[in-house]
Amino acid sequence: MWLVPLLLVCALPVQGELKLTLEQSVYQATDFGTMLDVSYEIPNTSLTFLREDSQFVARYEISIQVSDRRRDILAGDLWQRVVRFHGYGPTVVRDSVESGTVSLVVPPAALDARVAVNDLGSERSATAAFRIERPTGGLTVRLYRSGRPVSMRKYGIGDTLVAVAEVASGPGAGDSLYQGASTFDSCRFVVKRGRQIVTGATVRALIGDEGGQWRPKARFEYPIGDSAGAARLGGGEYSLEAVGFGGGRVLRSSVGFRIDVPFYLDDSAYLHRVEQLVYVASADELRRLRSVPRGEREQAWREFWKREHAPIRGRYVSEEVYFERIDYTQEHFAHGERGYLSDRGHVYVLYGAPDQVESRPFDIDSPAYEIWYYYQINKQFDFVDRFGAGDYVLQNREEL
């Protein structure tokens, strides 16, 4: 039996006071070793930036150590990185991150790995320990961007998704003419979002020289954005499935990735976001935002919010707070209701979290109900779920 899973990718649990996200991917690099890639993201707000001449500079180091079953260290490496900005702004932007990928060839006896990241401008650090799960043969798929493994498996609007599939080498396959060359003729790539197929192609495998070994590889490319600057793949989580053919064998592998696209370049995401402005935008403003050309959407959106838009019942709310409320309602009031368009969602978006909630579940003699109390504004909202289906209807609508 030919074994598959062949590229192993997973998020790593991290301990420490430095905010950090890590992912590992493991694949067969040579006949005598396995390549361990560790991708990472560090929010710039977690690093210590110091003023150096006209720049703001942060320094950190990341290390990998691998050990055997007796916990003896067999291999390791240390990398130092420098982050520079000409202005102070990027150092405090909430969504601004430092990211990268470091790689280490690990020997066959290595079982466990430890990754450590230290901020050199402070005492903050973080660590992650995990078991090295080696591929056992079959097909491997690696994701690239600009010729390098893609960090955290994330792509942006200007990137091209590049995937390279090859047959994993087996123990003892040391001939210069790669033994699997005759068993890997072509590969079918399929990109999915959930269960929906988005795009795909069947590609012939070509044999190329890699470090003295001739390996057959199939390469798939797909631009994230089109020539007009619109997103061909909208933001969100995707999977890439690869099926290799040749020599009477069918090899399979898959890997996940994420698309981070500004919502104003994703037509469906932008229109959905505009519809969510229903509680802060007038009908005329909604029509205008819907009709703005793609290239002018970002500016129009910023103009809409820059005046501390918009008064909700006489109180101003920021864009960040408004969409935090929208997201909360979509997560908590979608079962049996309509998220932010439900009655509870409506009240939550307008007034935020209640100071107190009094609730009673559904039973045979009486319907379920909730009473939300807002003491600071002296308001109370009564919701009743008459049929026990999770659809809570506001009873005192005049209080809105």
Protein backbone atom coordinates (compact mmCIF):
# COMPACT_ATOMS: atom_id res chain seq x y z
CA MET A 1 0.00 0.00 0.00
CA TRP A 2 1.27 3.46 -0.88
CA LEU A 3 0.94 5.73 2.16
CA VAL A 4 -0.38 9.30 2.06
CA PRO A 5 -0.35 12.09 4.03
CA LEU A 6 2.80 13.54 2.98
CA LEU A 7 3.01 17.19 3.76
CA LEU A 8 2.17 17.75 7.40
CA VAL A 9 1.08 21.25 8.36
CA CYS A 10 -0.34 22.32 11.70
CA ALA A 11 -0.50 25.24 14.08
CA LEU A 12 1.68 24.96 17.17
CA PRO A 13 0.62 25.68 20.77
CA VAL A 14 2.79 28.52 22.05
CA GLN A 15 3.73 29.40 25.63
CA GLY A 16 5.20 32.69 26.83
CA GLU A 17 4.43 36.37 27.10
CA LEU A 18 5.47 37.24 23.53
CA LYS A 19 2.42 37.11 21.27
CA LEU A 20 3.29 34.70 18.49
CA THR A 21 1.72 32.37 15.94
CA LEU A 22 3.69 29.38 14.64
CA GLU A 23 3.05 26.71 12.03
CA GLN A 24 5.20 23.74 11.10
CA SER A 25 5.40 21.84 7.86
CA VAL A 26 7.42 18.67 7.43
CA TYR A 27 8.43 17.04 4.17
CA GLN A 28 11.04 14.69 2.80
CA ALA A 29 13.97 16.82 1.66
CA THR A 30 16.62 14.20 0.86
CA ASP A 31 17.07 10.46 1.25
CA PHE A 32 18.89 11.06 4.53
CA GLY A 33 16.92 13.83 6.18
CA THR A 34 13.61 15.57 6.65
CA MET A 35 13.10 19.31 6.18
CA LEU A 36 11.30 21.12 8.97
CA ASP A 37 9.86 24.52 8.01
CA VAL A 38 8.60 26.78 10.79
CA SER A 39 6.59 29.82 9.73
CA TYR A 40 5.84 32.55 12.25
CA GLU A 41 3.98 35.81 12.77
CA ILE A 42 4.75 38.33 15.51
CA PRO A 43 2.52 41.41 15.91
CA ASN A 44 4.68 44.51 15.71
CA THR A 45 3.00 45.64 18.93
CA SER A 46 4.70 42.69 20.70
CA LEU A 47 8.19 43.78 19.67
CA THR A 48 10.23 46.54 21.29
CA PHE A 49 11.15 49.26 18.79
CA LEU A 50 13.97 51.66 19.60
CA ARG A 51 14.87 54.87 17.81
CA GLU A 52 18.07 54.56 15.77
CA ASP A 53 18.86 57.72 13.83
CA SER A 54 15.77 58.32 11.68
CA GLN A 55 14.42 54.76 11.98
CA PHE A 56 12.51 52.65 14.48
CA VAL A 57 14.25 49.29 14.88
CA ALA A 58 13.34 46.01 16.63
CA ARG A 59 15.53 42.93 16.91
CA TYR A 60 14.57 39.37 17.73
CA GLU A 61 15.98 35.87 17.40
CA ILE A 62 14.36 32.55 16.58
CA SER A 63 15.94 29.15 17.23
CA ILE A 64 15.12 25.50 16.50
CA GLN A 65 16.54 22.50 18.35
CA VAL A 66 15.69 18.87 17.60
CA SER A 67 16.32 15.95 19.95
CA ASP A 68 16.10 12.15 19.98
CA ARG A 69 14.14 9.81 22.29
CA ARG A 70 16.73 10.35 25.06
CA ARG A 71 16.30 14.13 24.69
CA ASP A 72 19.83 14.53 23.40
CA ILE A 73 20.08 17.50 21.03
CA LEU A 74 20.98 16.34 17.52
CA ALA A 75 20.72 19.52 15.45
CA GLY A 76 19.71 23.14 15.70
CA ASP A 77 20.16 26.62 14.38
CA LEU A 78 19.67 30.24 15.41
CA TRP A 79 18.55 33.18 13.27
CA GLN A 80 18.59 36.86 14.17
CA ARG A 81 16.20 39.25 12.47
CA VAL A 82 15.92 43.03 12.30
CA VAL A 83 12.71 44.98 11.63
CA ARG A 84 13.04 48.60 10.47
CA PHE A 85 10.47 51.32 9.87
CA HIS A 86 11.01 54.93 8.86
CA GLY A 87 7.98 56.07 10.86
CA TYR A 88 6.48 55.22 14.24
CA GLY A 89 3.03 54.37 12.86
CA PRO A 90 3.64 50.76 11.67
CA THR A 91 5.01 49.82 15.10
CA VAL A 92 1.62 50.35 16.76
CA VAL A 93 -0.84 49.37 14.00
CA ARG A 94 -2.98 46.53 15.37
CA ASP A 95 -2.87 44.33 12.25
CA SER A 96 0.78 44.94 11.32
CA VAL A 97 2.92 41.81 11.74
CA GLU A 98 6.46 40.58 11.26
CA SER A 99 6.50 37.20 9.50
CA GLY A 100 8.96 34.73 8.07
CA THR A 101 9.99 31.10 7.66
CA VAL A 102 13.06 29.28 8.97
CA SER A 103 14.11 25.78 7.88
CA LEU A 104 16.21 23.00 9.33
CA VAL A 105 17.19 19.59 7.96
CA VAL A 106 16.65 17.11 10.79
CA PRO A 107 18.39 13.71 11.04
CA PRO A 108 16.45 10.43 11.06
CA ALA A 109 16.85 9.91 14.83
CA ALA A 110 15.28 13.27 15.72
CA LEU A 111 11.83 12.89 17.28
CA ASP A 112 11.04 16.21 18.97
CA ALA A 113 11.55 19.87 18.18
CA ARG A 114 11.60 23.04 20.24
CA VAL A 115 11.22 26.56 18.81
CA ALA A 116 12.06 29.66 20.84
CA VAL A 117 11.58 33.32 19.92
CA ASN A 118 13.14 36.13 21.97
CA ASP A 119 12.61 39.87 21.66
CA LEU A 120 16.14 41.28 22.04
CA GLY A 121 14.83 44.68 23.13
CA SER A 122 12.99 43.29 26.14
CA GLU A 123 12.67 40.12 28.19
CA ARG A 124 9.62 38.85 26.32
CA SER A 125 9.86 35.40 24.79
CA ALA A 126 7.77 32.46 23.60
CA THR A 127 8.39 28.75 23.05
CA ALA A 128 6.71 25.81 21.33
CA ALA A 129 7.53 22.10 21.61
CA PHE A 130 6.16 19.42 19.29
CA ARG A 131 6.72 15.95 17.88
CA ILE A 132 8.26 15.69 14.41
CA GLU A 133 5.85 13.63 12.31
CA ARG A 134 7.66 12.48 9.21
CA PRO A 135 6.02 11.75 5.86
CA THR A 136 5.96 8.04 5.08
CA GLY A 137 6.03 8.24 1.28
CA GLY A 138 3.71 9.30 -1.50
CA LEU A 139 3.06 12.79 -2.82
CA THR A 140 4.26 16.00 -1.21
CA VAL A 141 2.92 19.49 -2.01
CA ARG A 142 4.71 22.69 -1.10
CA LEU A 143 3.41 26.23 -1.45
CA TYR A 144 5.64 29.04 -2.70
CA ARG A 145 5.59 32.78 -3.25
CA SER A 146 8.35 34.60 -5.12
CA GLY A 147 10.47 31.45 -5.12
CA ARG A 148 10.34 30.95 -1.35
CA PRO A 149 8.08 28.83 0.89
CA VAL A 150 5.08 30.98 1.70
CA SER A 151 5.04 32.18 5.30
CA MET A 152 2.00 31.03 7.33
CA ARG A 153 0.47 29.77 4.06
CA LYS A 154 -1.03 33.22 3.39
CA TYR A 155 -1.35 35.05 0.08
CA GLY A 156 -2.34 38.63 -0.77
CA ILE A 157 -3.98 40.33 -3.72
CA GLY A 158 -0.70 40.81 -5.61
CA ASP A 159 0.58 37.26 -5.11
CA THR A 160 0.45 34.17 -7.26
CA LEU A 161 -0.39 30.85 -5.66
CA VAL A 162 2.42 28.46 -6.62
CA ALA A 163 2.24 24.78 -5.66
CA VAL A 164 4.87 22.17 -6.46
CA ALA A 165 4.04 18.46 -6.12
CA GLU A 166 6.54 15.61 -6.22
CA VAL A 167 6.81 11.99 -5.20
CA ALA A 168 8.44 11.70 -1.78
CA SER A 169 11.72 9.82 -1.90
CA GLY A 170 11.89 6.56 -0.01
CA PRO A 171 14.68 5.19 2.19
CA GLY A 172 17.70 4.14 0.20
CA ALA A 173 16.71 5.86 -3.02
CA GLY A 174 20.13 7.25 -3.68
CA ASP A 175 20.53 6.85 -7.43
CA SER A 176 21.21 10.03 -9.39
CA LEU A 177 18.33 9.15 -11.66
CA TYR A 178 15.44 9.48 -9.25
CA GLN A 179 13.69 6.13 -8.86
CA GLY A 180 10.20 7.62 -8.93
CA ALA A 181 10.67 9.37 -12.28
CA SER A 182 8.76 6.72 -14.16
CA THR A 183 5.90 6.61 -11.63
CA PHE A 184 4.82 10.26 -11.69
CA ASP A 185 3.53 11.42 -15.06
CA SER A 186 0.97 14.12 -14.19
CA CYS A 187 -0.85 15.76 -11.32
CA ARG A 188 -4.36 17.14 -10.96
CA PHE A 189 -4.57 20.22 -8.71
CA VAL A 190 -7.93 21.33 -7.31
CA VAL A 191 -8.47 24.48 -5.23
CA LYS A 192 -11.47 24.31 -2.90
CA ARG A 193 -13.22 26.68 -0.54
CA GLY A 194 -14.97 24.35 1.84
CA ARG A 195 -16.55 21.75 -0.43
CA GLN A 196 -16.85 24.08 -3.40
CA ILE A 197 -14.34 23.68 -6.23
CA VAL A 198 -12.96 27.09 -7.20
CA THR A 199 -10.40 26.25 -9.87
CA GLY A 200 -7.98 23.56 -10.92
CA ALA A 201 -5.82 22.08 -13.65
CA THR A 202 -4.02 18.91 -14.67
CA VAL A 203 -0.27 19.46 -15.16
CA ARG A 204 2.40 17.21 -16.62
CA ALA A 205 5.28 16.31 -14.34
CA LEU A 206 8.68 17.46 -15.56
CA ILE A 207 12.02 16.05 -14.42
CA GLY A 208 14.51 18.59 -13.11
CA ASP A 209 17.89 18.51 -11.36
CA GLU A 210 17.84 19.25 -7.63
CA GLY A 211 21.12 18.87 -5.78
CA GLY A 212 22.37 16.08 -8.02
CA GLN A 213 19.08 14.19 -7.97
CA TRP A 214 16.64 14.12 -10.82
CA ARG A 215 13.10 14.49 -9.51
CA PRO A 216 9.80 14.69 -11.38
CA LYS A 217 7.72 17.67 -10.27
CA ALA A 218 4.39 19.17 -11.27
CA ARG A 219 3.89 22.91 -10.87
CA PHE A 220 0.58 24.77 -10.56
CA GLU A 221 0.21 28.56 -10.61
CA TYR A 222 -2.84 30.76 -10.09
CA PRO A 223 -2.79 34.58 -9.64
CA ILE A 224 -4.84 35.77 -6.66
CA GLY A 225 -5.81 39.01 -8.44
CA ASP A 226 -6.69 39.74 -12.06
CA SER A 227 -5.23 42.38 -14.36
CA ALA A 228 -7.83 44.92 -13.21
CA GLY A 229 -6.82 44.53 -9.56
CA ALA A 230 -9.88 42.53 -8.49
CA ALA A 231 -9.61 39.40 -6.39
CA ARG A 232 -10.04 36.16 -8.34
CA LEU A 233 -10.01 34.35 -5.01
CA GLY A 234 -11.85 36.09 -2.18
CA GLY A 235 -10.51 36.30 1.33
CA GLY A 236 -10.79 33.20 3.52
CA GLU A 237 -9.59 29.63 4.05
CA TYR A 238 -8.90 27.31 1.11
CA SER A 239 -7.47 23.86 0.47
CA LEU A 240 -5.35 22.64 -2.41
CA GLU A 241 -5.78 18.97 -3.25
CA ALA A 242 -3.28 17.20 -5.48
CA VAL A 243 -3.68 13.79 -7.12
CA GLY A 244 -0.64 12.29 -8.86
CA PHE A 245 -0.83 9.68 -11.61
CA GLY A 246 1.70 7.33 -13.15
CA GLY A 247 2.91 3.76 -13.14
CA GLY A 248 -0.55 2.50 -12.20
CA ARG A 249 -0.45 4.44 -8.93
CA VAL A 250 -2.68 7.23 -7.64
CA LEU A 251 -1.03 9.44 -5.02
CA ARG A 252 -2.88 12.04 -3.00
CA SER A 253 -2.01 14.98 -0.78
CA SER A 254 -3.54 18.27 0.32
CA VAL A 255 -2.53 21.46 2.08
CA GLY A 256 -4.49 24.40 3.39
CA PHE A 257 -3.83 28.09 2.77
CA ARG A 258 -5.43 31.46 3.41
CA ILE A 259 -6.16 34.45 1.19
CA ASP A 260 -5.96 37.87 2.85
CA VAL A 261 -7.51 40.34 0.43
CA PRO A 262 -8.68 43.87 1.31
CA PHE A 263 -12.44 43.61 1.36
CA TYR A 264 -12.85 46.55 -1.04
CA LEU A 265 -11.06 44.55 -3.78
CA ASP A 266 -13.31 41.52 -3.26
CA ASP A 267 -16.65 42.42 -4.91
CA SER A 268 -18.84 40.09 -2.87
CA ALA A 269 -17.07 40.88 0.42
CA TYR A 270 -17.33 44.63 -0.22
CA LEU A 271 -21.05 44.55 -1.02
CA HIS A 272 -21.68 42.37 2.02
CA ARG A 273 -19.79 44.83 4.23
CA VAL A 274 -21.78 47.72 2.80
CA GLU A 275 -25.06 45.94 3.60
CA GLN A 276 -23.89 45.60 7.19
CA LEU A 277 -23.90 49.41 7.50
CA VAL A 278 -27.68 49.32 7.70
CA TYR A 279 -27.71 50.75 11.26
CA VAL A 280 -25.34 53.68 10.60
CA ALA A 281 -25.86 54.62 6.93
CA SER A 282 -28.83 56.24 5.24
CA ALA A 283 -30.48 54.70 2.20
CA ASP A 284 -28.73 57.27 -0.03
CA GLU A 285 -25.34 56.49 1.52
CA LEU A 286 -25.85 52.77 1.01
CA ARG A 287 -26.74 53.30 -2.66
CA ARG A 288 -23.72 55.51 -3.19
CA LEU A 289 -21.29 53.06 -1.56
CA ARG A 290 -22.70 50.16 -3.60
CA SER A 291 -22.11 52.02 -6.86
CA VAL A 292 -18.57 53.31 -6.15
CA PRO A 293 -16.05 51.98 -8.75
CA ARG A 294 -13.65 49.38 -7.39
CA GLY A 295 -10.66 51.71 -7.57
CA GLU A 296 -12.44 54.34 -5.45
CA ARG A 297 -13.93 52.06 -2.80
CA GLU A 298 -11.15 52.37 -0.24
CA GLN A 299 -11.27 56.18 -0.30
CA ALA A 300 -15.07 56.25 -0.16
CA TRP A 301 -15.07 53.86 2.77
CA ARG A 302 -12.50 55.93 4.67
CA GLU A 303 -14.48 59.09 3.97
CA PHE A 304 -17.59 57.45 5.37
CA TRP A 305 -15.92 56.63 8.68
CA LYS A 306 -13.44 59.47 9.20
CA ARG A 307 -16.07 61.79 10.76
CA GLU A 308 -16.53 59.42 13.68
CA HIS A 309 -19.46 57.98 11.81
CA ALA A 310 -22.11 57.47 12.79
CA PRO A 311 -24.48 58.51 15.53
CA ILE A 312 -26.40 55.52 16.86
CA ARG A 313 -29.22 56.80 19.03
CA GLY A 314 -27.27 59.99 19.63
CA ARG A 315 -23.95 58.26 20.40
CA TYR A 316 -21.00 57.94 18.02
CA VAL A 317 -19.42 54.58 17.33
CA SER A 318 -16.13 53.82 15.58
CA GLU A 319 -15.75 51.46 12.64
CA GLU A 320 -13.83 48.99 14.82
CA VAL A 321 -16.48 48.89 17.55
CA TYR A 322 -19.33 48.72 15.06
CA PHE A 323 -17.97 45.66 13.26
CA GLU A 324 -16.98 44.00 16.53
CA ARG A 325 -20.69 44.15 17.38
CA ILE A 326 -21.67 42.88 13.93
CA ASP A 327 -19.26 39.95 14.26
CA TYR A 328 -20.60 39.11 17.71
CA THR A 329 -24.18 38.97 16.47
CA GLN A 330 -23.22 36.83 13.49
CA GLU A 331 -21.56 34.36 15.83
CA HIS A 332 -24.15 34.28 18.63
CA PHE A 333 -27.49 35.04 16.98
CA ALA A 334 -27.29 33.04 13.75
CA HIS A 335 -28.92 29.84 15.03
CA GLY A 336 -32.64 30.22 14.41
CA GLU A 337 -32.17 33.94 13.78
CA ARG A 338 -30.58 36.22 11.20
CA GLY A 339 -27.44 37.43 12.94
CA TYR A 340 -27.21 41.21 12.95
CA LEU A 341 -30.62 41.48 11.25
CA SER A 342 -32.35 39.59 14.07
CA ASP A 343 -34.05 41.49 16.88
CA ARG A 344 -31.38 40.64 19.41
CA GLY A 345 -28.70 41.43 16.84
CA HIS A 346 -30.38 44.78 16.13
CA VAL A 347 -30.34 45.78 19.79
CA TYR A 348 -26.79 44.54 20.32
CA VAL A 349 -25.43 46.54 17.37
CA LEU A 350 -27.23 49.68 18.55
CA TYR A 351 -26.34 49.54 22.23
CA GLY A 352 -23.59 46.98 22.68
CA ALA A 353 -23.52 44.31 25.36
CA PRO A 354 -26.29 44.65 27.99
CA ASP A 355 -25.38 45.29 31.62
CA GLN A 356 -27.50 42.34 32.72
CA VAL A 357 -29.46 39.55 31.03
CA GLU A 358 -32.37 37.78 32.68
CA SER A 359 -33.39 34.61 30.84
CA ARG A 360 -35.71 31.61 31.16
CA PRO A 361 -35.61 28.53 28.89
CA PHE A 362 -38.56 27.19 26.91
CA ASP A 363 -40.91 24.73 28.64
CA ILE A 364 -44.35 23.29 27.95
CA ASP A 365 -46.28 25.98 29.84
CA SER A 366 -44.39 29.12 28.80
CA PRO A 367 -42.08 30.32 26.03
CA ALA A 368 -38.42 31.14 26.50
CA TYR A 369 -37.60 34.79 27.08
CA GLU A 370 -34.71 37.14 27.68
CA ILE A 371 -34.71 40.60 29.25
CA TRP A 372 -31.75 42.85 28.50
CA TYR A 373 -31.05 45.68 30.95
CA TYR A 374 -29.05 48.79 30.05
CA TYR A 375 -28.83 50.70 33.31
CA GLN A 376 -26.69 53.63 32.12
CA ILE A 377 -29.24 54.64 29.48
CA ASN A 378 -32.26 53.44 31.45
CA LYS A 379 -33.49 50.97 28.82
CA GLN A 380 -34.89 47.47 28.95
CA PHE A 381 -35.60 45.14 26.02
CA ASP A 382 -37.87 42.10 26.23
CA PHE A 383 -37.40 39.17 23.82
CA VAL A 384 -39.65 36.12 23.53
CA ASP A 385 -38.96 32.84 21.72
CA ARG A 386 -42.50 31.56 21.35
CA PHE A 387 -41.71 28.26 19.65
CA GLY A 388 -38.41 27.29 21.25
CA ALA A 389 -36.58 27.53 17.92
CA GLY A 390 -34.08 30.21 18.97
CA ASP A 391 -35.95 33.04 17.21
CA TYR A 392 -36.25 35.73 19.87
CA VAL A 393 -38.71 38.49 18.93
CA LEU A 394 -38.52 41.94 20.50
CA GLN A 395 -41.74 42.75 22.34
CA ASN A 396 -41.25 46.44 23.18
CA ARG A 397 -40.03 47.67 19.78
CA GLU A 398 -40.95 51.26 20.67
CA GLU A 399 -37.92 51.34 22.99
CA LEU A 400 -35.52 51.12 20.05
